[in-house]
Amino acid sequence: MNKRIFYWFPRVLAILYILFLALFALDVFIPGKDFLYYIVALFMHLIPNFVLLTILTIAWKHERIGGALFLVAFAVLFSMFWDRSFLWLQLLLFSPLVLIGILFLLQRKEVGKK
């Protein structure tokens, strides 16, 4: 039972984190804009989510590679949005990627068992 929780925890945490980031894309809805504007704006705002979903699909089967990619995603996002005055906010927003990456790196596949 404990191994099953340890298996699912980083996956569920990653899904919840990606859904949380998707909430920030809702700021594209401005009255008076046409449908094409909304499609393009939503796509642009959800690009980081698409990248994280790709990393999650890799991590689902290859835990170590996915864990390393989650840590790289943290470093890239943290450096892209670097601002010394909002350091605490950046750490709060991007630190779940470090936790997810570490949890994926700590997983061990048991050979011959399902």
PDB file of N, CA and C in Angstrom:
ATOM      1  N   MET A   1       0.813  -1.197   0.000  1.00  0.00           N
ATOM      2  CA  MET A   1       0.000   0.000   0.000  1.00  0.00           C
ATOM      3  C   MET A   1       0.857   1.262   0.000  1.00  0.00           C
ATOM      4  N   ASN A   2       1.915   1.269   0.782  1.00  0.00           N
ATOM      5  CA  ASN A   2       2.787   2.432   0.873  1.00  0.00           C
ATOM      6  C   ASN A   2       3.497   2.695  -0.452  1.00  0.00           C
ATOM      7  N   LYS A   3       3.900   1.622  -1.149  1.00  0.00           N
ATOM      8  CA  LYS A   3       4.560   1.781  -2.436  1.00  0.00           C
ATOM      9  C   LYS A   3       3.606   2.348  -3.470  1.00  0.00           C
ATOM     10  N   ARG A   4       2.343   1.985  -3.366  1.00  0.00           N
ATOM     11  CA  ARG A   4       1.344   2.490  -4.308  1.00  0.00           C
ATOM     12  C   ARG A   4       1.133   3.994  -4.115  1.00  0.00           C
ATOM     13  N   ILE A   5       1.104   4.450  -2.881  1.00  0.00           N
ATOM     14  CA  ILE A   5       0.959   5.885  -2.613  1.00  0.00           C
ATOM     15  C   ILE A   5       2.182   6.635  -3.111  1.00  0.00           C
ATOM     16  N   PHE A   6       3.364   6.072  -2.883  1.00  0.00           N
ATOM     17  CA  PHE A   6       4.596   6.700  -3.326  1.00  0.00           C
ATOM     18  C   PHE A   6       4.669   6.741  -4.851  1.00  0.00           C
ATOM     19  N   TYR A   7       4.037   5.777  -5.513  1.00  0.00           N
ATOM     20  CA  TYR A   7       3.999   5.752  -6.974  1.00  0.00           C
ATOM     21  C   TYR A   7       3.076   6.849  -7.508  1.00  0.00           C
ATOM     22  N   TRP A   8       1.900   7.020  -6.911  1.00  0.00           N
ATOM     23  CA  TRP A   8       0.899   7.927  -7.434  1.00  0.00           C
ATOM     24  C   TRP A   8       1.064   9.376  -6.974  1.00  0.00           C
ATOM     25  N   PHE A   9       1.702   9.601  -5.847  1.00  0.00           N
ATOM     26  CA  PHE A   9       1.779  10.950  -5.295  1.00  0.00           C
ATOM     27  C   PHE A   9       2.419  11.964  -6.246  1.00  0.00           C
ATOM     28  N   PRO A  10       3.591  11.693  -6.839  1.00  0.00           N
ATOM     29  CA  PRO A  10       4.156  12.707  -7.748  1.00  0.00           C
ATOM     30  C   PRO A  10       3.317  12.914  -9.004  1.00  0.00           C
ATOM     31  N   ARG A  11       2.654  11.876  -9.475  1.00  0.00           N
ATOM     32  CA  ARG A  11       1.822  12.009 -10.672  1.00  0.00           C
ATOM     33  C   ARG A  11       0.599  12.876 -10.399  1.00  0.00           C
ATOM     34  N   VAL A  12      -0.067  12.618  -9.284  1.00  0.00           N
ATOM     35  CA  VAL A  12      -1.246  13.413  -8.934  1.00  0.00           C
ATOM     36  C   VAL A  12      -0.832  14.846  -8.611  1.00  0.00           C
ATOM     37  N   LEU A  13       0.272  15.014  -7.921  1.00  0.00           N
ATOM     38  CA  LEU A  13       0.764  16.347  -7.603  1.00  0.00           C
ATOM     39  C   LEU A  13       1.094  17.125  -8.879  1.00  0.00           C
ATOM     40  N   ALA A  14       1.684  16.464  -9.863  1.00  0.00           N
ATOM     41  CA  ALA A  14       2.001  17.119 -11.130  1.00  0.00           C
ATOM     42  C   ALA A  14       0.728  17.523 -11.876  1.00  0.00           C
ATOM     43  N   ILE A  15      -0.267  16.655 -11.877  1.00  0.00           N
ATOM     44  CA  ILE A  15      -1.536  16.984 -12.539  1.00  0.00           C
ATOM     45  C   ILE A  15      -2.203  18.166 -11.854  1.00  0.00           C
ATOM     46  N   LEU A  16      -2.227  18.173 -10.527  1.00  0.00           N
ATOM     47  CA  LEU A  16      -2.828  19.289  -9.795  1.00  0.00           C
ATOM     48  C   LEU A  16      -2.062  20.592 -10.040  1.00  0.00           C
ATOM     49  N   TYR A  17      -0.748  20.502 -10.114  1.00  0.00           N
ATOM     50  CA  TYR A  17       0.061  21.698 -10.370  1.00  0.00           C
ATOM     51  C   TYR A  17      -0.208  22.248 -11.768  1.00  0.00           C
ATOM     52  N   ILE A  18      -0.313  21.362 -12.755  1.00  0.00           N
ATOM     53  CA  ILE A  18      -0.589  21.804 -14.124  1.00  0.00           C
ATOM     54  C   ILE A  18      -1.974  22.432 -14.206  1.00  0.00           C
ATOM     55  N   LEU A  19      -2.947  21.863 -13.516  1.00  0.00           N
ATOM     56  CA  LEU A  19      -4.285  22.460 -13.488  1.00  0.00           C
ATOM     57  C   LEU A  19      -4.272  23.821 -12.795  1.00  0.00           C
ATOM     58  N   PHE A  20      -3.475  23.950 -11.740  1.00  0.00           N
ATOM     59  CA  PHE A  20      -3.350  25.229 -11.054  1.00  0.00           C
ATOM     60  C   PHE A  20      -2.750  26.288 -11.980  1.00  0.00           C
ATOM     61  N   LEU A  21      -1.722  25.918 -12.728  1.00  0.00           N
ATOM     62  CA  LEU A  21      -1.130  26.871 -13.666  1.00  0.00           C
ATOM     63  C   LEU A  21      -2.110  27.239 -14.777  1.00  0.00           C
ATOM     64  N   ALA A  22      -2.978  26.319 -15.145  1.00  0.00           N
ATOM     65  CA  ALA A  22      -3.957  26.592 -16.198  1.00  0.00           C
ATOM     66  C   ALA A  22      -4.946  27.669 -15.767  1.00  0.00           C
ATOM     67  N   LEU A  23      -5.150  27.837 -14.475  1.00  0.00           N
ATOM     68  CA  LEU A  23      -6.054  28.886 -13.996  1.00  0.00           C
ATOM     69  C   LEU A  23      -5.563  30.276 -14.378  1.00  0.00           C
ATOM     70  N   PHE A  24      -4.259  30.446 -14.506  1.00  0.00           N
ATOM     71  CA  PHE A  24      -3.709  31.751 -14.862  1.00  0.00           C
ATOM     72  C   PHE A  24      -4.010  32.119 -16.313  1.00  0.00           C
ATOM     73  N   ALA A  25      -4.400  31.163 -17.133  1.00  0.00           N
ATOM     74  CA  ALA A  25      -4.737  31.447 -18.521  1.00  0.00           C
ATOM     75  C   ALA A  25      -6.113  32.079 -18.659  1.00  0.00           C
ATOM     76  N   LEU A  26      -6.891  32.065 -17.604  1.00  0.00           N
ATOM     77  CA  LEU A  26      -8.240  32.616 -17.674  1.00  0.00           C
ATOM     78  C   LEU A  26      -8.265  34.140 -17.739  1.00  0.00           C
ATOM     79  N   ASP A  27      -7.118  34.778 -17.598  1.00  0.00           N
ATOM     80  CA  ASP A  27      -7.105  36.239 -17.668  1.00  0.00           C
ATOM     81  C   ASP A  27      -7.164  36.762 -19.097  1.00  0.00           C
ATOM     82  N   VAL A  28      -7.261  35.899 -20.095  1.00  0.00           N
ATOM     83  CA  VAL A  28      -7.331  36.341 -21.486  1.00  0.00           C
ATOM     84  C   VAL A  28      -8.728  36.811 -21.870  1.00  0.00           C
ATOM     85  N   PHE A  29      -9.716  36.496 -21.073  1.00  0.00           N
ATOM     86  CA  PHE A  29     -11.084  36.836 -21.448  1.00  0.00           C
ATOM     87  C   PHE A  29     -11.374  38.303 -21.165  1.00  0.00           C
ATOM     88  N   ILE A  30     -11.410  39.077 -22.251  1.00  0.00           N
ATOM     89  CA  ILE A  30     -11.671  40.507 -22.205  1.00  0.00           C
ATOM     90  C   ILE A  30     -12.930  40.756 -23.035  1.00  0.00           C
ATOM     91  N   PRO A  31     -13.877  41.498 -22.508  1.00  0.00           N
ATOM     92  CA  PRO A  31     -15.093  41.771 -23.292  1.00  0.00           C
ATOM     93  C   PRO A  31     -14.774  42.518 -24.595  1.00  0.00           C
ATOM     94  N   GLY A  32     -15.463  42.139 -25.642  1.00  0.00           N
ATOM     95  CA  GLY A  32     -15.320  42.827 -26.919  1.00  0.00           C
ATOM     96  C   GLY A  32     -14.321  42.202 -27.868  1.00  0.00           C
ATOM     97  N   LYS A  33     -13.669  41.125 -27.482  1.00  0.00           N
ATOM     98  CA  LYS A  33     -12.715  40.468 -28.375  1.00  0.00           C
ATOM     99  C   LYS A  33     -13.419  39.352 -29.133  1.00  0.00           C
ATOM    100  N   ASP A  34     -12.863  39.008 -30.292  1.00  0.00           N
ATOM    101  CA  ASP A  34     -13.481  37.948 -31.090  1.00  0.00           C
ATOM    102  C   ASP A  34     -12.957  36.583 -30.689  1.00  0.00           C
ATOM    103  N   PHE A  35     -13.560  35.542 -31.257  1.00  0.00           N
ATOM    104  CA  PHE A  35     -13.264  34.164 -30.890  1.00  0.00           C
ATOM    105  C   PHE A  35     -11.823  33.774 -31.230  1.00  0.00           C
ATOM    106  N   LEU A  36     -11.319  34.242 -32.370  1.00  0.00           N
ATOM    107  CA  LEU A  36      -9.952  33.911 -32.774  1.00  0.00           C
ATOM    108  C   LEU A  36      -8.940  34.482 -31.776  1.00  0.00           C
ATOM    109  N   TYR A  37      -9.208  35.656 -31.255  1.00  0.00           N
ATOM    110  CA  TYR A  37      -8.333  36.240 -30.237  1.00  0.00           C
ATOM    111  C   TYR A  37      -8.237  35.322 -29.023  1.00  0.00           C
ATOM    112  N   TYR A  38      -9.383  34.808 -28.582  1.00  0.00           N
ATOM    113  CA  TYR A  38      -9.398  33.938 -27.408  1.00  0.00           C
ATOM    114  C   TYR A  38      -8.641  32.642 -27.656  1.00  0.00           C
ATOM    115  N   ILE A  39      -8.797  32.075 -28.849  1.00  0.00           N
ATOM    116  CA  ILE A  39      -8.100  30.821 -29.169  1.00  0.00           C
ATOM    117  C   ILE A  39      -6.591  31.031 -29.144  1.00  0.00           C
ATOM    118  N   VAL A  40      -6.125  32.087 -29.808  1.00  0.00           N
ATOM    119  CA  VAL A  40      -4.681  32.359 -29.858  1.00  0.00           C
ATOM    120  C   VAL A  40      -4.148  32.696 -28.467  1.00  0.00           C
ATOM    121  N   ALA A  41      -4.873  33.530 -27.736  1.00  0.00           N
ATOM    122  CA  ALA A  41      -4.414  33.937 -26.403  1.00  0.00           C
ATOM    123  C   ALA A  41      -4.377  32.759 -25.438  1.00  0.00           C
ATOM    124  N   LEU A  42      -5.395  31.911 -25.485  1.00  0.00           N
ATOM    125  CA  LEU A  42      -5.386  30.727 -24.616  1.00  0.00           C
ATOM    126  C   LEU A  42      -4.237  29.797 -24.968  1.00  0.00           C
ATOM    127  N   PHE A  43      -3.996  29.607 -26.267  1.00  0.00           N
ATOM    128  CA  PHE A  43      -2.880  28.751 -26.675  1.00  0.00           C
ATOM    129  C   PHE A  43      -1.556  29.306 -26.159  1.00  0.00           C
ATOM    130  N   MET A  44      -1.365  30.607 -26.290  1.00  0.00           N
ATOM    131  CA  MET A  44      -0.114  31.225 -25.841  1.00  0.00           C
ATOM    132  C   MET A  44       0.060  31.104 -24.327  1.00  0.00           C
ATOM    133  N   HIS A  45      -1.028  31.283 -23.586  1.00  0.00           N
ATOM    134  CA  HIS A  45      -0.939  31.201 -22.133  1.00  0.00           C
ATOM    135  C   HIS A  45      -0.751  29.771 -21.631  1.00  0.00           C
ATOM    136  N   LEU A  46      -1.185  28.798 -22.424  1.00  0.00           N
ATOM    137  CA  LEU A  46      -1.102  27.404 -21.989  1.00  0.00           C
ATOM    138  C   LEU A  46       0.138  26.667 -22.500  1.00  0.00           C
ATOM    139  N   ILE A  47       1.043  27.347 -23.171  1.00  0.00           N
ATOM    140  CA  ILE A  47       2.268  26.697 -23.654  1.00  0.00           C
ATOM    141  C   ILE A  47       3.066  26.070 -22.509  1.00  0.00           C
ATOM    142  N   PRO A  48       3.285  26.760 -21.370  1.00  0.00           N
ATOM    143  CA  PRO A  48       3.998  26.086 -20.271  1.00  0.00           C
ATOM    144  C   PRO A  48       3.272  24.830 -19.776  1.00  0.00           C
ATOM    145  N   ASN A  49       1.953  24.839 -19.802  1.00  0.00           N
ATOM    146  CA  ASN A  49       1.196  23.657 -19.384  1.00  0.00           C
ATOM    147  C   ASN A  49       1.403  22.504 -20.354  1.00  0.00           C
ATOM    148  N   PHE A  50       1.451  22.812 -21.652  1.00  0.00           N
ATOM    149  CA  PHE A  50       1.696  21.768 -22.642  1.00  0.00           C
ATOM    150  C   PHE A  50       3.083  21.160 -22.457  1.00  0.00           C
ATOM    151  N   VAL A  51       4.061  22.004 -22.155  1.00  0.00           N
ATOM    152  CA  VAL A  51       5.421  21.508 -21.912  1.00  0.00           C
ATOM    153  C   VAL A  51       5.450  20.626 -20.663  1.00  0.00           C
ATOM    154  N   LEU A  52       4.778  21.067 -19.601  1.00  0.00           N
ATOM    155  CA  LEU A  52       4.747  20.266 -18.370  1.00  0.00           C
ATOM    156  C   LEU A  52       3.972  18.968 -18.568  1.00  0.00           C
ATOM    157  N   LEU A  53       2.927  18.986 -19.380  1.00  0.00           N
ATOM    158  CA  LEU A  53       2.213  17.737 -19.690  1.00  0.00           C
ATOM    159  C   LEU A  53       3.102  16.772 -20.463  1.00  0.00           C
ATOM    160  N   THR A  54       3.911  17.301 -21.362  1.00  0.00           N
ATOM    161  CA  THR A  54       4.857  16.449 -22.093  1.00  0.00           C
ATOM    162  C   THR A  54       5.881  15.837 -21.142  1.00  0.00           C
ATOM    163  N   ILE A  55       6.384  16.643 -20.214  1.00  0.00           N
ATOM    164  CA  ILE A  55       7.335  16.133 -19.218  1.00  0.00           C
ATOM    165  C   ILE A  55       6.664  15.071 -18.350  1.00  0.00           C
ATOM    166  N   LEU A  56       5.405  15.293 -17.986  1.00  0.00           N
ATOM    167  CA  LEU A  56       4.694  14.316 -17.163  1.00  0.00           C
ATOM    168  C   LEU A  56       4.501  12.999 -17.903  1.00  0.00           C
ATOM    169  N   THR A  57       4.204  13.054 -19.191  1.00  0.00           N
ATOM    170  CA  THR A  57       4.054  11.800 -19.945  1.00  0.00           C
ATOM    171  C   THR A  57       5.381  11.051 -20.036  1.00  0.00           C
ATOM    172  N   ILE A  58       6.474  11.786 -20.135  1.00  0.00           N
ATOM    173  CA  ILE A  58       7.787  11.129 -20.119  1.00  0.00           C
ATOM    174  C   ILE A  58       8.061  10.535 -18.743  1.00  0.00           C
ATOM    175  N   ALA A  59       7.744  11.300 -17.702  1.00  0.00           N
ATOM    176  CA  ALA A  59       8.025  10.853 -16.338  1.00  0.00           C
ATOM    177  C   ALA A  59       7.151   9.679 -15.925  1.00  0.00           C
ATOM    178  N   TRP A  60       6.024   9.511 -16.564  1.00  0.00           N
ATOM    179  CA  TRP A  60       5.120   8.427 -16.192  1.00  0.00           C
ATOM    180  C   TRP A  60       5.781   7.061 -16.388  1.00  0.00           C
ATOM    181  N   LYS A  61       6.565   6.931 -17.448  1.00  0.00           N
ATOM    182  CA  LYS A  61       7.238   5.656 -17.722  1.00  0.00           C
ATOM    183  C   LYS A  61       8.720   5.674 -17.344  1.00  0.00           C
ATOM    184  N   HIS A  62       9.350   6.814 -17.505  1.00  0.00           N
ATOM    185  CA  HIS A  62      10.786   6.941 -17.224  1.00  0.00           C
ATOM    186  C   HIS A  62      10.958   7.953 -16.098  1.00  0.00           C
ATOM    187  N   GLU A  63      10.878   7.457 -14.878  1.00  0.00           N
ATOM    188  CA  GLU A  63      10.828   8.336 -13.712  1.00  0.00           C
ATOM    189  C   GLU A  63      12.062   9.219 -13.562  1.00  0.00           C
ATOM    190  N   ARG A  64      13.214   8.645 -13.787  1.00  0.00           N
ATOM    191  CA  ARG A  64      14.450   9.408 -13.572  1.00  0.00           C
ATOM    192  C   ARG A  64      14.612  10.519 -14.606  1.00  0.00           C
ATOM    193  N   ILE A  65      14.312  10.225 -15.845  1.00  0.00           N
ATOM    194  CA  ILE A  65      14.400  11.257 -16.884  1.00  0.00           C
ATOM    195  C   ILE A  65      13.366  12.344 -16.620  1.00  0.00           C
ATOM    196  N   GLY A  66      12.146  11.940 -16.286  1.00  0.00           N
ATOM    197  CA  GLY A  66      11.096  12.909 -16.001  1.00  0.00           C
ATOM    198  C   GLY A  66      11.401  13.757 -14.789  1.00  0.00           C
ATOM    199  N   GLY A  67      11.960  13.141 -13.752  1.00  0.00           N
ATOM    200  CA  GLY A  67      12.338  13.905 -12.565  1.00  0.00           C
ATOM    201  C   GLY A  67      13.384  14.959 -12.884  1.00  0.00           C
ATOM    202  N   ALA A  68      14.362  14.576 -13.693  1.00  0.00           N
ATOM    203  CA  ALA A  68      15.385  15.546 -14.098  1.00  0.00           C
ATOM    204  C   ALA A  68      14.776  16.648 -14.953  1.00  0.00           C
ATOM    205  N   LEU A  69      13.825  16.299 -15.804  1.00  0.00           N
ATOM    206  CA  LEU A  69      13.177  17.313 -16.638  1.00  0.00           C
ATOM    207  C   LEU A  69      12.321  18.272 -15.806  1.00  0.00           C
ATOM    208  N   PHE A  70      11.699  17.779 -14.753  1.00  0.00           N
ATOM    209  CA  PHE A  70      10.945  18.674 -13.863  1.00  0.00           C
ATOM    210  C   PHE A  70      11.891  19.646 -13.162  1.00  0.00           C
ATOM    211  N   LEU A  71      13.070  19.186 -12.776  1.00  0.00           N
ATOM    212  CA  LEU A  71      14.047  20.089 -12.158  1.00  0.00           C
ATOM    213  C   LEU A  71      14.561  21.113 -13.159  1.00  0.00           C
ATOM    214  N   VAL A  72      14.749  20.691 -14.408  1.00  0.00           N
ATOM    215  CA  VAL A  72      15.155  21.626 -15.462  1.00  0.00           C
ATOM    216  C   VAL A  72      14.041  22.646 -15.704  1.00  0.00           C
ATOM    217  N   ALA A  73      12.785  22.180 -15.700  1.00  0.00           N
ATOM    218  CA  ALA A  73      11.657  23.097 -15.883  1.00  0.00           C
ATOM    219  C   ALA A  73      11.622  24.139 -14.773  1.00  0.00           C
ATOM    220  N   PHE A  74      11.917  23.723 -13.546  1.00  0.00           N
ATOM    221  CA  PHE A  74      11.991  24.690 -12.446  1.00  0.00           C
ATOM    222  C   PHE A  74      13.062  25.735 -12.731  1.00  0.00           C
ATOM    223  N   ALA A  75      14.245  25.287 -13.138  1.00  0.00           N
ATOM    224  CA  ALA A  75      15.345  26.219 -13.383  1.00  0.00           C
ATOM    225  C   ALA A  75      15.014  27.183 -14.523  1.00  0.00           C
ATOM    226  N   VAL A  76      14.383  26.672 -15.575  1.00  0.00           N
ATOM    227  CA  VAL A  76      14.053  27.526 -16.715  1.00  0.00           C
ATOM    228  C   VAL A  76      12.974  28.539 -16.326  1.00  0.00           C
ATOM    229  N   LEU A  77      11.905  28.083 -15.696  1.00  0.00           N
ATOM    230  CA  LEU A  77      10.832  29.001 -15.314  1.00  0.00           C
ATOM    231  C   LEU A  77      11.312  30.020 -14.286  1.00  0.00           C
ATOM    232  N   PHE A  78      12.113  29.570 -13.345  1.00  0.00           N
ATOM    233  CA  PHE A  78      12.623  30.479 -12.323  1.00  0.00           C
ATOM    234  C   PHE A  78      13.518  31.546 -12.940  1.00  0.00           C
ATOM    235  N   SER A  79      14.358  31.163 -13.894  1.00  0.00           N
ATOM    236  CA  SER A  79      15.244  32.141 -14.521  1.00  0.00           C
ATOM    237  C   SER A  79      14.497  33.041 -15.498  1.00  0.00           C
ATOM    238  N   MET A  80      13.447  32.533 -16.139  1.00  0.00           N
ATOM    239  CA  MET A  80      12.677  33.363 -17.072  1.00  0.00           C
ATOM    240  C   MET A  80      11.920  34.469 -16.353  1.00  0.00           C
ATOM    241  N   PHE A  81      11.426  34.177 -15.180  1.00  0.00           N
ATOM    242  CA  PHE A  81      10.632  35.138 -14.440  1.00  0.00           C
ATOM    243  C   PHE A  81      11.407  35.723 -13.259  1.00  0.00           C
ATOM    244  N   TRP A  82      12.717  35.808 -13.392  1.00  0.00           N
ATOM    245  CA  TRP A  82      13.557  36.282 -12.303  1.00  0.00           C
ATOM    246  C   TRP A  82      13.265  37.743 -12.002  1.00  0.00           C
ATOM    247  N   ASP A  83      12.951  38.013 -10.742  1.00  0.00           N
ATOM    248  CA  ASP A  83      12.764  39.372 -10.247  1.00  0.00           C
ATOM    249  C   ASP A  83      13.060  39.339  -8.753  1.00  0.00           C
ATOM    250  N   ARG A  84      14.079  40.064  -8.352  1.00  0.00           N
ATOM    251  CA  ARG A  84      14.522  40.012  -6.962  1.00  0.00           C
ATOM    252  C   ARG A  84      13.444  40.484  -5.993  1.00  0.00           C
ATOM    253  N   SER A  85      12.602  41.421  -6.405  1.00  0.00           N
ATOM    254  CA  SER A  85      11.604  41.942  -5.488  1.00  0.00           C
ATOM    255  C   SER A  85      10.461  40.959  -5.243  1.00  0.00           C
ATOM    256  N   PHE A  86      10.273  39.990  -6.145  1.00  0.00           N
ATOM    257  CA  PHE A  86       9.222  38.995  -5.971  1.00  0.00           C
ATOM    258  C   PHE A  86       9.798  37.583  -5.828  1.00  0.00           C
ATOM    259  N   LEU A  87      10.944  37.459  -5.210  1.00  0.00           N
ATOM    260  CA  LEU A  87      11.605  36.175  -5.059  1.00  0.00           C
ATOM    261  C   LEU A  87      10.747  35.191  -4.276  1.00  0.00           C
ATOM    262  N   TRP A  88      10.114  35.636  -3.210  1.00  0.00           N
ATOM    263  CA  TRP A  88       9.270  34.748  -2.398  1.00  0.00           C
ATOM    264  C   TRP A  88       8.097  34.223  -3.212  1.00  0.00           C
ATOM    265  N   LEU A  89       7.551  35.055  -4.094  1.00  0.00           N
ATOM    266  CA  LEU A  89       6.426  34.628  -4.916  1.00  0.00           C
ATOM    267  C   LEU A  89       6.865  33.607  -5.960  1.00  0.00           C
ATOM    268  N   GLN A  90       8.043  33.809  -6.534  1.00  0.00           N
ATOM    269  CA  GLN A  90       8.572  32.847  -7.497  1.00  0.00           C
ATOM    270  C   GLN A  90       8.847  31.506  -6.841  1.00  0.00           C
ATOM    271  N   LEU A  91       9.419  31.537  -5.668  1.00  0.00           N
ATOM    272  CA  LEU A  91       9.673  30.283  -4.963  1.00  0.00           C
ATOM    273  C   LEU A  91       8.377  29.576  -4.613  1.00  0.00           C
ATOM    274  N   LEU A  92       7.374  30.322  -4.212  1.00  0.00           N
ATOM    275  CA  LEU A  92       6.081  29.739  -3.889  1.00  0.00           C
ATOM    276  C   LEU A  92       5.422  29.131  -5.116  1.00  0.00           C
ATOM    277  N   LEU A  93       5.564  29.784  -6.257  1.00  0.00           N
ATOM    278  CA  LEU A  93       4.904  29.333  -7.473  1.00  0.00           C
ATOM    279  C   LEU A  93       5.628  28.160  -8.135  1.00  0.00           C
ATOM    280  N   PHE A  94       6.955  28.169  -8.119  1.00  0.00           N
ATOM    281  CA  PHE A  94       7.709  27.166  -8.872  1.00  0.00           C
ATOM    282  C   PHE A  94       8.313  26.047  -8.018  1.00  0.00           C
ATOM    283  N   SER A  95       8.317  26.166  -6.700  1.00  0.00           N
ATOM    284  CA  SER A  95       8.921  25.124  -5.867  1.00  0.00           C
ATOM    285  C   SER A  95       8.207  23.771  -5.941  1.00  0.00           C
ATOM    286  N   PRO A  96       6.908  23.691  -6.246  1.00  0.00           N
ATOM    287  CA  PRO A  96       6.332  22.348  -6.416  1.00  0.00           C
ATOM    288  C   PRO A  96       7.006  21.534  -7.522  1.00  0.00           C
ATOM    289  N   LEU A  97       7.590  22.208  -8.513  1.00  0.00           N
ATOM    290  CA  LEU A  97       8.313  21.476  -9.557  1.00  0.00           C
ATOM    291  C   LEU A  97       9.531  20.762  -8.985  1.00  0.00           C
ATOM    292  N   VAL A  98      10.182  21.386  -8.017  1.00  0.00           N
ATOM    293  CA  VAL A  98      11.333  20.734  -7.376  1.00  0.00           C
ATOM    294  C   VAL A  98      10.866  19.509  -6.597  1.00  0.00           C
ATOM    295  N   LEU A  99       9.786  19.637  -5.852  1.00  0.00           N
ATOM    296  CA  LEU A  99       9.255  18.510  -5.092  1.00  0.00           C
ATOM    297  C   LEU A  99       8.842  17.373  -6.024  1.00  0.00           C
ATOM    298  N   ILE A 100       8.153  17.699  -7.101  1.00  0.00           N
ATOM    299  CA  ILE A 100       7.728  16.675  -8.060  1.00  0.00           C
ATOM    300  C   ILE A 100       8.941  15.998  -8.681  1.00  0.00           C
ATOM    301  N   GLY A 101       9.927  16.791  -9.062  1.00  0.00           N
ATOM    302  CA  GLY A 101      11.135  16.222  -9.661  1.00  0.00           C
ATOM    303  C   GLY A 101      11.871  15.299  -8.711  1.00  0.00           C
ATOM    304  N   ILE A 102      12.001  15.699  -7.465  1.00  0.00           N
ATOM    305  CA  ILE A 102      12.693  14.865  -6.477  1.00  0.00           C
ATOM    306  C   ILE A 102      11.912  13.574  -6.223  1.00  0.00           C
ATOM    307  N   LEU A 103      10.592  13.679  -6.136  1.00  0.00           N
ATOM    308  CA  LEU A 103       9.791  12.471  -5.906  1.00  0.00           C
ATOM    309  C   LEU A 103       9.898  11.495  -7.073  1.00  0.00           C
ATOM    310  N   PHE A 104       9.953  12.004  -8.287  1.00  0.00           N
ATOM    311  CA  PHE A 104      10.149  11.106  -9.435  1.00  0.00           C
ATOM    312  C   PHE A 104      11.549  10.500  -9.425  1.00  0.00           C
ATOM    313  N   LEU A 105      12.551  11.278  -9.027  1.00  0.00           N
ATOM    314  CA  LEU A 105      13.915  10.750  -8.993  1.00  0.00           C
ATOM    315  C   LEU A 105      14.094   9.679  -7.927  1.00  0.00           C
ATOM    316  N   LEU A 106      13.327   9.757  -6.847  1.00  0.00           N
ATOM    317  CA  LEU A 106      13.465   8.789  -5.757  1.00  0.00           C
ATOM    318  C   LEU A 106      12.739   7.475  -6.020  1.00  0.00           C
ATOM    319  N   GLN A 107      11.931   7.428  -7.053  1.00  0.00           N
ATOM    320  CA  GLN A 107      11.180   6.199  -7.323  1.00  0.00           C
ATOM    321  C   GLN A 107      12.089   5.128  -7.899  1.00  0.00           C
ATOM    322  N   ARG A 108      11.794   3.904  -7.534  1.00  0.00           N
ATOM    323  CA  ARG A 108      12.536   2.758  -8.049  1.00  0.00           C
ATOM    324  C   ARG A 108      11.558   1.801  -8.702  1.00  0.00           C
ATOM    325  N   LYS A 109      11.930   1.362  -9.861  1.00  0.00           N
ATOM    326  CA  LYS A 109      11.105   0.366 -10.533  1.00  0.00           C
ATOM    327  C   LYS A 109      11.466  -1.003  -9.994  1.00  0.00           C
ATOM    328  N   GLU A 110      10.450  -1.771  -9.688  1.00  0.00           N
ATOM    329  CA  GLU A 110      10.699  -3.137  -9.249  1.00  0.00           C
ATOM    330  C   GLU A 110      10.631  -4.048 -10.459  1.00  0.00           C
ATOM    331  N   VAL A 111      11.723  -4.714 -10.733  1.00  0.00           N
ATOM    332  CA  VAL A 111      11.828  -5.549 -11.919  1.00  0.00           C
ATOM    333  C   VAL A 111      11.004  -6.809 -11.720  1.00  0.00           C
ATOM    334  N   GLY A 112      10.161  -7.105 -12.695  1.00  0.00           N
ATOM    335  CA  GLY A 112       9.375  -8.341 -12.670  1.00  0.00           C
ATOM    336  C   GLY A 112       8.104  -8.265 -11.868  1.00  0.00           C
ATOM    337  N   LYS A 113       7.795  -7.147 -11.254  1.00  0.00           N
ATOM    338  CA  LYS A 113       6.561  -7.009 -10.476  1.00  0.00           C
ATOM    339  C   LYS A 113       5.706  -5.904 -11.059  1.00  0.00           C
ATOM    340  N   LYS A 114       4.415  -6.076 -10.937  1.00  0.00           N
ATOM    341  CA  LYS A 114       3.504  -5.046 -11.435  1.00  0.00           C
ATOM    342  C   LYS A 114       2.882  -4.311 -10.276  1.00  0.00           C
TER     343      LYS A 114
END
